[in-house]
Amino acid sequence: MSFIKNMSIEDLFKIALKIIINTLVIFIILMLVLGLAKTVYSIKELLPIEHFADGFNHIITDILSFSVILELFRSFIEYFKAERFRLHSMMDPFIIFVVREVIIILYTHEGIKWQNIIGFAILVLSLGIVRTLAIIYTPETINKK
C-alpha cells in the first residue's frame, strides 16, 4: 500500500495508459484474426459455378477492405509506440482507402466518369504530398535546426 502512496499522479497515469494500450493491442490482434478468418471464409462464395464472378468480386472487396483495416491498425500501433500521432502514418490508411475505392470501382466495371478519376487522382496526389511533407518536416528535424 505504501507503493501507491509514493506514486505521483503522472506515474499513475502512465501505468493506467500502459494497461489500456496493452488491452487495445490485444483487442486489435483479435479483430485482425477475426477479419482474416472472415476473409478466408468468404472463399465459399466461389463454389457456385454460375456465380463465380460475383463471388470473386466480393472476395476482392473483402481483401482490399482488410488491407485498409490492417493499415489503420498499424497506424494505431505506431501511435502507441511513439506516444504521439505521426501524420505520415495516419495518411497511409487514407491513401490505401482511396486507392481501394478506385480499384473496386474499376474492377466491378461500374460506370465511372473521367471527372471522378481526375478527382481521385488529385486526392491521392494531395495525400501523397502531405505524407511526403510530414516525413521531411518531422518535429525531430525541425528541432535540430
C-alpha atoms as a PDB file:
ATOM      1  CA  MET A   1       0.000   0.000   0.000  1.00  0.00           C
ATOM      2  CA  SER A   2       2.937   2.335   0.604  1.00  0.00           C
ATOM      3  CA  PHE A   3       3.792   1.866  -3.083  1.00  0.00           C
ATOM      4  CA  ILE A   4       0.567   3.651  -4.061  1.00  0.00           C
ATOM      5  CA  LYS A   5       1.114   6.456  -1.536  1.00  0.00           C
ATOM      6  CA  ASN A   6       4.559   7.225  -3.007  1.00  0.00           C
ATOM      7  CA  MET A   7       3.226   7.272  -6.568  1.00  0.00           C
ATOM      8  CA  SER A   8       2.635  10.568  -8.316  1.00  0.00           C
ATOM      9  CA  ILE A   9      -0.408  11.286 -10.468  1.00  0.00           C
ATOM     10  CA  GLU A  10       1.807  11.210 -13.575  1.00  0.00           C
ATOM     11  CA  ASP A  11       3.112   7.751 -12.668  1.00  0.00           C
ATOM     12  CA  LEU A  12      -0.418   6.514 -12.053  1.00  0.00           C
ATOM     13  CA  PHE A  13      -1.476   7.931 -15.407  1.00  0.00           C
ATOM     14  CA  LYS A  14       1.443   6.221 -17.192  1.00  0.00           C
ATOM     15  CA  ILE A  15       0.619   2.859 -15.604  1.00  0.00           C
ATOM     16  CA  ALA A  16      -3.081   3.193 -16.456  1.00  0.00           C
ATOM     17  CA  LEU A  17      -2.191   4.220 -20.013  1.00  0.00           C
ATOM     18  CA  LYS A  18       0.090   1.181 -20.398  1.00  0.00           C
ATOM     19  CA  ILE A  19      -2.687  -1.131 -19.231  1.00  0.00           C
ATOM     20  CA  ILE A  20      -5.180   0.465 -21.631  1.00  0.00           C
ATOM     21  CA  ILE A  21      -2.742   0.341 -24.553  1.00  0.00           C
ATOM     22  CA  ASN A  22      -1.876  -3.316 -23.931  1.00  0.00           C
ATOM     23  CA  THR A  23      -5.588  -4.143 -23.764  1.00  0.00           C
ATOM     24  CA  LEU A  24      -6.169  -2.305 -27.033  1.00  0.00           C
ATOM     25  CA  VAL A  25      -3.281  -4.128 -28.718  1.00  0.00           C
ATOM     26  CA  ILE A  26      -4.787  -7.471 -27.696  1.00  0.00           C
ATOM     27  CA  PHE A  27      -8.175  -6.291 -28.995  1.00  0.00           C
ATOM     28  CA  ILE A  28      -6.613  -5.175 -32.291  1.00  0.00           C
ATOM     29  CA  ILE A  29      -4.904  -8.541 -32.726  1.00  0.00           C
ATOM     30  CA  LEU A  30      -8.205 -10.307 -32.033  1.00  0.00           C
ATOM     31  CA  MET A  31     -10.014  -8.123 -34.581  1.00  0.00           C
ATOM     32  CA  LEU A  32      -7.335  -8.791 -37.206  1.00  0.00           C
ATOM     33  CA  VAL A  33      -7.586 -12.543 -36.653  1.00  0.00           C
ATOM     34  CA  LEU A  34     -11.389 -12.377 -36.934  1.00  0.00           C
ATOM     35  CA  GLY A  35     -11.134 -10.211 -40.058  1.00  0.00           C
ATOM     36  CA  LEU A  36      -8.701 -12.633 -41.648  1.00  0.00           C
ATOM     37  CA  ALA A  37     -10.957 -15.567 -40.751  1.00  0.00           C
ATOM     38  CA  LYS A  38     -13.948 -13.802 -42.328  1.00  0.00           C
ATOM     39  CA  THR A  39     -11.956 -13.054 -45.465  1.00  0.00           C
ATOM     40  CA  VAL A  40     -10.781 -16.649 -45.763  1.00  0.00           C
ATOM     41  CA  TYR A  41     -14.292 -17.953 -45.005  1.00  0.00           C
ATOM     42  CA  SER A  42     -15.692 -15.887 -47.878  1.00  0.00           C
ATOM     43  CA  ILE A  43     -13.948 -18.285 -50.279  1.00  0.00           C
ATOM     44  CA  LYS A  44     -17.084 -20.432 -50.026  1.00  0.00           C
ATOM     45  CA  GLU A  45     -18.776 -17.882 -52.278  1.00  0.00           C
ATOM     46  CA  LEU A  46     -16.574 -19.052 -55.143  1.00  0.00           C
ATOM     47  CA  LEU A  47     -18.015 -22.561 -55.074  1.00  0.00           C
ATOM     48  CA  PRO A  48     -21.247 -21.950 -57.037  1.00  0.00           C
ATOM     49  CA  ILE A  49     -20.049 -22.103 -60.650  1.00  0.00           C
ATOM     50  CA  GLU A  50     -22.765 -19.818 -62.033  1.00  0.00           C
ATOM     51  CA  HIS A  51     -21.891 -17.026 -59.581  1.00  0.00           C
ATOM     52  CA  PHE A  52     -18.100 -17.274 -59.739  1.00  0.00           C
ATOM     53  CA  ALA A  53     -17.636 -13.675 -60.931  1.00  0.00           C
ATOM     54  CA  ASP A  54     -19.889 -12.234 -58.220  1.00  0.00           C
ATOM     55  CA  GLY A  55     -18.133 -14.278 -55.539  1.00  0.00           C
ATOM     56  CA  PHE A  56     -14.742 -13.252 -56.854  1.00  0.00           C
ATOM     57  CA  ASN A  57     -15.763  -9.559 -56.791  1.00  0.00           C
ATOM     58  CA  HIS A  58     -16.877  -9.971 -53.189  1.00  0.00           C
ATOM     59  CA  ILE A  59     -13.591 -11.641 -52.193  1.00  0.00           C
ATOM     60  CA  ILE A  60     -11.532  -8.901 -53.868  1.00  0.00           C
ATOM     61  CA  THR A  61     -13.560  -6.279 -51.989  1.00  0.00           C
ATOM     62  CA  ASP A  62     -13.045  -8.157 -48.688  1.00  0.00           C
ATOM     63  CA  ILE A  63      -9.289  -8.443 -49.231  1.00  0.00           C
ATOM     64  CA  LEU A  64      -8.954  -4.753 -50.080  1.00  0.00           C
ATOM     65  CA  SER A  65     -11.089  -3.776 -47.066  1.00  0.00           C
ATOM     66  CA  PHE A  66      -8.943  -5.992 -44.847  1.00  0.00           C
ATOM     67  CA  SER A  67      -5.806  -4.251 -46.115  1.00  0.00           C
ATOM     68  CA  VAL A  68      -7.296  -0.856 -45.186  1.00  0.00           C
ATOM     69  CA  ILE A  69      -8.164  -2.091 -41.688  1.00  0.00           C
ATOM     70  CA  LEU A  70      -4.702  -3.628 -41.341  1.00  0.00           C
ATOM     71  CA  GLU A  71      -3.053  -0.323 -42.249  1.00  0.00           C
ATOM     72  CA  LEU A  72      -5.326   1.579 -39.867  1.00  0.00           C
ATOM     73  CA  PHE A  73      -4.426  -0.751 -37.007  1.00  0.00           C
ATOM     74  CA  ARG A  74      -0.747  -0.414 -37.919  1.00  0.00           C
ATOM     75  CA  SER A  75      -1.062   3.346 -37.520  1.00  0.00           C
ATOM     76  CA  PHE A  76      -2.665   2.833 -34.095  1.00  0.00           C
ATOM     77  CA  ILE A  77       0.236   0.625 -33.027  1.00  0.00           C
ATOM     78  CA  GLU A  78       2.629   3.294 -34.323  1.00  0.00           C
ATOM     79  CA  TYR A  79       0.815   5.824 -32.137  1.00  0.00           C
ATOM     80  CA  PHE A  80       1.173   3.560 -29.110  1.00  0.00           C
ATOM     81  CA  LYS A  81       4.918   3.207 -29.721  1.00  0.00           C
ATOM     82  CA  ALA A  82       5.639   6.879 -30.402  1.00  0.00           C
ATOM     83  CA  GLU A  83       3.071   8.175 -27.878  1.00  0.00           C
ATOM     84  CA  ARG A  84       2.026  10.774 -30.420  1.00  0.00           C
ATOM     85  CA  PHE A  85       0.275  10.888 -33.740  1.00  0.00           C
ATOM     86  CA  ARG A  86       2.576  10.871 -36.721  1.00  0.00           C
ATOM     87  CA  LEU A  87       0.915  12.478 -39.683  1.00  0.00           C
ATOM     88  CA  HIS A  88       2.658  10.278 -42.237  1.00  0.00           C
ATOM     89  CA  SER A  89       1.471   7.079 -40.554  1.00  0.00           C
ATOM     90  CA  MET A  90      -2.073   8.440 -40.369  1.00  0.00           C
ATOM     91  CA  MET A  91      -2.038   9.312 -44.081  1.00  0.00           C
ATOM     92  CA  ASP A  92      -1.270   5.730 -45.168  1.00  0.00           C
ATOM     93  CA  PRO A  93      -4.736   4.314 -44.350  1.00  0.00           C
ATOM     94  CA  PHE A  94      -6.406   7.224 -46.147  1.00  0.00           C
ATOM     95  CA  ILE A  95      -4.298   6.734 -49.265  1.00  0.00           C
ATOM     96  CA  ILE A  96      -4.947   2.993 -49.232  1.00  0.00           C
ATOM     97  CA  PHE A  97      -8.678   3.600 -48.725  1.00  0.00           C
ATOM     98  CA  VAL A  98      -8.887   5.915 -51.739  1.00  0.00           C
ATOM     99  CA  VAL A  99      -6.880   3.508 -53.891  1.00  0.00           C
ATOM    100  CA  ARG A 100      -9.154   0.676 -52.683  1.00  0.00           C
ATOM    101  CA  GLU A 101     -12.224   2.607 -53.794  1.00  0.00           C
ATOM    102  CA  VAL A 102     -10.720   3.264 -57.226  1.00  0.00           C
ATOM    103  CA  ILE A 103      -9.765  -0.397 -57.647  1.00  0.00           C
ATOM    104  CA  ILE A 104     -13.235  -1.578 -56.622  1.00  0.00           C
ATOM    105  CA  ILE A 105     -14.954   0.866 -58.970  1.00  0.00           C
ATOM    106  CA  LEU A 106     -12.700  -0.090 -61.877  1.00  0.00           C
ATOM    107  CA  TYR A 107     -12.803  -3.812 -61.086  1.00  0.00           C
ATOM    108  CA  THR A 108     -16.590  -4.030 -60.805  1.00  0.00           C
ATOM    109  CA  HIS A 109     -16.918  -2.116 -64.079  1.00  0.00           C
ATOM    110  CA  GLU A 110     -19.215   0.456 -62.550  1.00  0.00           C
ATOM    111  CA  GLY A 111     -19.740   3.464 -64.745  1.00  0.00           C
ATOM    112  CA  ILE A 112     -17.155   5.994 -63.726  1.00  0.00           C
ATOM    113  CA  LYS A 113     -16.755   9.363 -65.352  1.00  0.00           C
ATOM    114  CA  TRP A 114     -13.409  10.877 -66.211  1.00  0.00           C
ATOM    115  CA  GLN A 115     -14.125  13.713 -63.746  1.00  0.00           C
ATOM    116  CA  ASN A 116     -14.270  11.181 -60.897  1.00  0.00           C
ATOM    117  CA  ILE A 117     -10.969   9.629 -61.970  1.00  0.00           C
ATOM    118  CA  ILE A 118      -9.338  13.062 -62.068  1.00  0.00           C
ATOM    119  CA  GLY A 119     -10.831  13.808 -58.637  1.00  0.00           C
ATOM    120  CA  PHE A 120      -9.414  10.582 -57.202  1.00  0.00           C
ATOM    121  CA  ALA A 121      -6.042  11.299 -58.822  1.00  0.00           C
ATOM    122  CA  ILE A 122      -5.919  14.798 -57.307  1.00  0.00           C
ATOM    123  CA  LEU A 123      -6.940  13.393 -53.917  1.00  0.00           C
ATOM    124  CA  VAL A 124      -4.228  10.691 -53.969  1.00  0.00           C
ATOM    125  CA  LEU A 125      -1.652  13.239 -55.179  1.00  0.00           C
ATOM    126  CA  SER A 126      -2.628  15.652 -52.393  1.00  0.00           C
ATOM    127  CA  LEU A 127      -2.476  12.942 -49.742  1.00  0.00           C
ATOM    128  CA  GLY A 128       0.902  11.807 -51.099  1.00  0.00           C
ATOM    129  CA  ILE A 129       2.264  15.362 -50.956  1.00  0.00           C
ATOM    130  CA  VAL A 130       1.037  15.822 -47.373  1.00  0.00           C
ATOM    131  CA  ARG A 131       2.570  12.474 -46.390  1.00  0.00           C
ATOM    132  CA  THR A 132       5.889  13.370 -48.023  1.00  0.00           C
ATOM    133  CA  LEU A 133       5.983  16.775 -46.324  1.00  0.00           C
ATOM    134  CA  ALA A 134       5.149  15.128 -43.000  1.00  0.00           C
ATOM    135  CA  ILE A 135       8.165  12.841 -43.396  1.00  0.00           C
ATOM    136  CA  ILE A 136      10.500  15.639 -44.477  1.00  0.00           C
ATOM    137  CA  TYR A 137       9.397  18.104 -41.789  1.00  0.00           C
ATOM    138  CA  THR A 138       9.120  15.935 -38.688  1.00  0.00           C
ATOM    139  CA  PRO A 139       9.361  17.565 -35.242  1.00  0.00           C
ATOM    140  CA  GLU A 140      12.791  15.962 -34.840  1.00  0.00           C
ATOM    141  CA  THR A 141      14.171  17.686 -37.953  1.00  0.00           C
ATOM    142  CA  ILE A 142      12.601  20.999 -37.052  1.00  0.00           C
ATOM    143  CA  ASN A 143      14.088  20.906 -33.522  1.00  0.00           C
ATOM    144  CA  LYS A 144      17.574  20.167 -34.931  1.00  0.00           C
ATOM    145  CA  LYS A 145      17.591  23.370 -36.999  1.00  0.00           C
END
